[in-house]
Protein backbone atom coordinates (compact mmCIF):
# COMPACT_ATOMS: atom_id res chain seq x y z
CA MET A 1 -11.10 6.70 3.21
CA PHE A 2 -10.21 3.42 2.50
CA THR A 3 -10.26 -0.29 2.88
CA GLY A 4 -7.65 -1.97 2.12
CA ILE A 5 -9.39 -3.58 -0.23
CA ILE A 6 -7.45 -4.05 -4.44
CA GLU A 7 -10.30 -3.17 -6.36
CA THR A 8 -7.05 -3.79 -8.66
CA VAL A 9 -3.91 -4.29 -11.04
CA ALA A 10 -2.87 -2.32 -12.47
CA THR A 11 0.84 -1.56 -14.94
CA ILE A 12 3.00 1.01 -14.63
CA ALA A 13 3.04 1.48 -18.87
CA ASP A 14 5.76 5.44 -18.48
CA ILE A 15 7.72 7.27 -16.10
CA SER A 16 8.83 11.07 -16.22
CA GLY A 17 10.68 13.98 -13.97
CA GLU A 18 9.80 17.49 -14.23
CA GLY A 19 11.77 19.10 -11.54
CA SER A 20 11.50 17.09 -8.29
CA ASN A 21 8.24 15.92 -9.09
CA VAL A 22 8.27 12.61 -11.41
CA HIS A 23 4.46 11.64 -13.21
CA TYR A 24 3.54 8.75 -13.44
CA THR A 25 1.02 7.24 -16.26
CA ILE A 26 -1.49 3.47 -15.16
CA GLU A 27 -2.23 1.32 -17.31
CA SER A 28 -5.57 0.48 -15.71
CA PRO A 29 -8.66 -1.37 -16.47
CA ILE A 30 -10.64 1.19 -14.73
CA ALA A 31 -9.35 4.18 -16.13
CA ALA A 32 -12.45 5.10 -18.11
CA GLU A 33 -14.34 4.68 -14.40
CA LEU A 34 -12.32 7.36 -12.96
CA LYS A 35 -12.45 11.10 -13.29
CA VAL A 36 -9.73 13.77 -12.63
CA ASP A 37 -8.91 15.52 -9.53
CA GLN A 38 -10.24 11.87 -7.95
CA SER A 39 -7.90 9.82 -4.82
CA VAL A 40 -6.86 6.45 -5.75
CA ALA A 41 -4.56 4.34 -3.80
CA HIS A 42 -1.54 2.81 -5.31
CA ASN A 43 0.14 0.60 -3.57
CA GLY A 44 -1.08 2.31 -0.48
CA VAL A 45 -0.47 5.76 -1.26
CA CYS A 46 -3.60 7.87 -2.17
CA LEU A 47 -2.57 9.95 -4.71
CA THR A 48 -5.00 12.39 -7.15
CA VAL A 49 -5.19 11.31 -10.58
CA VAL A 50 -4.30 14.36 -12.81
CA ALA A 51 -5.27 13.21 -16.13
CA ILE A 52 -7.27 10.02 -18.65
CA SER A 53 -6.75 9.24 -22.30
CA GLY A 54 -8.38 5.62 -22.67
CA ASN A 55 -7.13 3.02 -20.75
CA THR A 56 -4.97 5.35 -18.86
CA TYR A 57 -5.04 8.20 -16.76
CA LYS A 58 -1.88 9.75 -15.00
CA VAL A 59 -1.30 10.86 -11.22
CA THR A 60 2.42 12.94 -9.66
CA ALA A 61 3.75 12.47 -7.01
CA VAL A 62 6.38 14.63 -5.03
CA ALA A 63 9.61 14.71 -3.13
CA GLU A 64 8.33 13.87 0.24
CA THR A 65 5.92 10.91 -1.23
CA LEU A 66 9.44 9.55 -3.18
CA THR A 67 11.50 9.46 -0.22
CA LYS A 68 8.77 7.85 2.74
CA THR A 69 7.40 5.57 -0.62
CA SER A 70 8.21 2.75 -2.45
CA LEU A 71 6.85 4.74 -5.01
CA ARG A 72 11.11 5.76 -5.41
CA GLU A 73 11.76 1.98 -7.33
CA TRP A 74 9.19 1.38 -9.43
CA ARG A 75 9.91 0.42 -12.59
CA VAL A 76 7.79 0.56 -15.88
CA GLY A 77 6.43 -2.18 -15.98
CA ASN A 78 5.04 -3.01 -12.83
CA LYS A 79 2.00 -4.21 -11.40
CA VAL A 80 -0.24 -1.47 -9.20
CA ASN A 81 -2.26 -2.83 -6.24
CA LEU A 82 -5.38 -0.02 -7.13
CA GLU A 83 -8.44 1.14 -4.37
CA ARG A 84 -10.50 3.49 -4.95
CA ALA A 85 -11.57 5.39 -2.19
CA LEU A 86 -14.82 4.59 -0.15
CA LYS A 87 -18.23 5.23 -0.59
CA LEU A 88 -20.05 6.14 2.16
CA GLY A 89 -22.28 3.72 3.00
CA ASP A 90 -19.96 0.65 1.73
CA ARG A 91 -18.99 -1.94 4.05
CA LEU A 92 -15.78 -1.77 5.19
CA ASP A 93 -14.50 -5.61 4.22
CA GLY A 94 -11.15 -4.48 5.73
CA HIS A 95 -9.49 -1.74 7.82
CA PHE A 96 -9.79 2.21 8.05
CA VAL A 97 -6.69 2.40 5.59
CA GLN A 98 -5.83 6.44 5.03
CA GLY A 99 -3.73 6.14 1.95
CA HIS A 100 -1.09 8.36 4.38
CA VAL A 101 1.89 5.83 4.01
CA ASP A 102 4.42 5.70 7.55
CA THR A 103 7.45 4.05 6.03
CA THR A 104 8.67 1.31 3.65
CA GLY A 105 9.56 -2.25 5.44
CA THR A 106 11.46 -5.29 4.02
CA CYS A 107 10.44 -8.58 2.50
CA VAL A 108 13.27 -10.93 4.35
CA GLU A 109 11.12 -13.87 4.19
CA LYS A 110 8.35 -15.47 1.75
CA GLN A 111 7.69 -19.56 1.32
CA THR A 112 5.60 -21.13 -0.30
CA LEU A 113 3.35 -22.91 1.88
CA GLU A 114 0.46 -25.51 1.07
CA GLY A 115 -2.04 -23.14 -0.77
CA SER A 116 -0.91 -20.27 0.63
CA TRP A 117 2.18 -17.60 1.22
CA LEU A 118 3.80 -16.91 4.24
CA PHE A 119 5.43 -13.15 3.83
CA ARG A 120 8.28 -11.81 6.83
CA PHE A 121 8.34 -8.13 7.04
CA ARG A 122 10.99 -5.56 8.77
CA PHE A 123 10.47 -2.20 9.24
CA PRO A 124 11.89 1.05 11.55
CA GLU A 125 11.88 0.11 15.02
CA ASN A 126 10.54 3.08 15.69
CA TYR A 127 7.19 1.93 14.85
CA ALA A 128 7.20 -0.75 17.68
CA ALA A 129 4.24 0.48 18.69
CA LEU A 130 2.14 0.79 16.35
CA ILE A 131 1.66 -2.75 15.47
CA ILE A 132 0.01 -5.52 17.70
CA GLU A 133 -0.80 -8.98 17.32
CA LYS A 134 -3.19 -10.54 15.29
CA GLY A 135 -3.25 -6.21 14.83
CA SER A 136 -3.98 -4.97 11.73
CA ILE A 137 -1.35 -3.38 9.29
CA CYS A 138 -1.18 -2.02 4.95
CA VAL A 139 0.93 -4.31 2.81
CA ASP A 140 1.39 -2.21 -0.36
CA GLY A 141 -2.31 -0.87 0.33
CA VAL A 142 -3.55 -4.33 1.02
CA SER A 143 -5.69 -5.15 5.13
CA LEU A 144 -3.23 -8.31 6.21
CA THR A 145 -3.43 -9.93 10.05
CA ALA A 146 0.07 -9.17 11.67
CA PHE A 147 0.92 -11.92 13.58
CA ASN A 148 4.75 -13.20 15.32
CA VAL A 149 4.94 -9.56 16.24
CA GLY A 150 8.30 -8.22 17.12
CA ARG A 151 10.52 -4.80 17.73
CA ASP A 152 10.84 -4.83 14.41
CA GLU A 153 8.86 -7.43 12.11
CA PHE A 154 5.99 -8.47 11.62
CA MET A 155 5.33 -12.01 9.53
CA VAL A 156 1.39 -12.38 7.34
CA THR A 157 0.17 -15.11 6.19
CA ILE A 158 -1.53 -14.57 2.00
CA ILE A 159 -4.32 -16.62 0.73
CA PRO A 160 -4.34 -17.74 -3.25
CA TYR A 161 -6.94 -15.39 -3.62
CA THR A 162 -4.67 -11.66 -2.80
CA TYR A 163 -2.39 -13.79 -4.30
CA THR A 164 -3.59 -13.90 -7.68
CA HIS A 165 -5.46 -10.66 -7.40
CA THR A 166 -3.42 -8.15 -6.16
CA ASN A 167 0.74 -7.27 -6.43
CA PHE A 168 1.98 -10.75 -3.95
CA ASP A 169 2.82 -12.84 -6.43
CA THR A 170 5.53 -10.35 -7.69
CA ILE A 171 6.84 -9.62 -4.18
CA GLU A 172 9.82 -11.75 -3.30
CA LYS A 173 12.99 -11.05 -0.34
CA GLY A 174 14.34 -7.75 -0.52
CA CYS A 175 11.41 -6.21 -1.77
CA LEU A 176 10.67 -2.41 -0.48
CA ILE A 177 7.23 -2.18 0.31
CA ASN A 178 4.42 0.57 1.83
CA LEU A 179 3.51 0.25 5.60
CA GLU A 180 0.30 1.76 7.18
CA PHE A 181 -0.15 1.34 10.30
CA ASP A 182 -3.80 0.94 12.14
CA VAL A 183 -4.91 5.12 12.47
CA LEU A 184 -6.65 4.18 15.98
CA GLY A 185 -3.15 2.31 17.88
CA LYS A 186 -1.73 6.12 15.81
CA TYR A 187 -4.13 7.72 17.96
CA LEU A 188 -3.82 5.32 21.18
CA VAL A 189 0.35 5.55 20.32
CA ARG A 190 0.10 10.11 20.53
CA GLY A 191 -2.91 10.49 23.65
CA LYS A 192 -0.35 8.40 25.87
CA GLU A 193 1.89 10.09 25.00
CA LEU A 194 0.65 13.70 25.64
CA ALA A 195 0.32 12.46 28.98
CA GLY A 196 2.90 12.18 29.59
């Protein structure tokens, strides 16, 4: 379980394949603090640490993860948002995030405003029931508030701190991003479906 509050930004140092799996070596300031078998969210995707060496560690993505997330487009040198799992007793500053990406979206607009940045993202319309005006949304692992919500689009505004302490400064029009919709909304929609 995560909160969508990014702890640090890392860099992809190496990518290698093994069968249908892909191994990513991540260079990070918190690498030495991690443990093998620990869960870490990478752009919102929960991955398990499988090896640690100095200031780098390795994670593995299986075919299902590659198909449903933006990891398939990761390249060496890309910046990645990191968040370690929530500890019992920690403040919940964002919202409940599982690290299970629902789908990918695309940045269709980026505007530089006076002191902030506005992003508009497009997502598959079949997820429309899972996002509401002023509701929580997790974009590349970052807990944000959605507004101007439509059937296949929404907007977020990014403050300077978030812009410079996450990978949002690298997101441009056309970029693929990971989306996780609010888990509470997902349970409500599922309950309504089952109730008929």
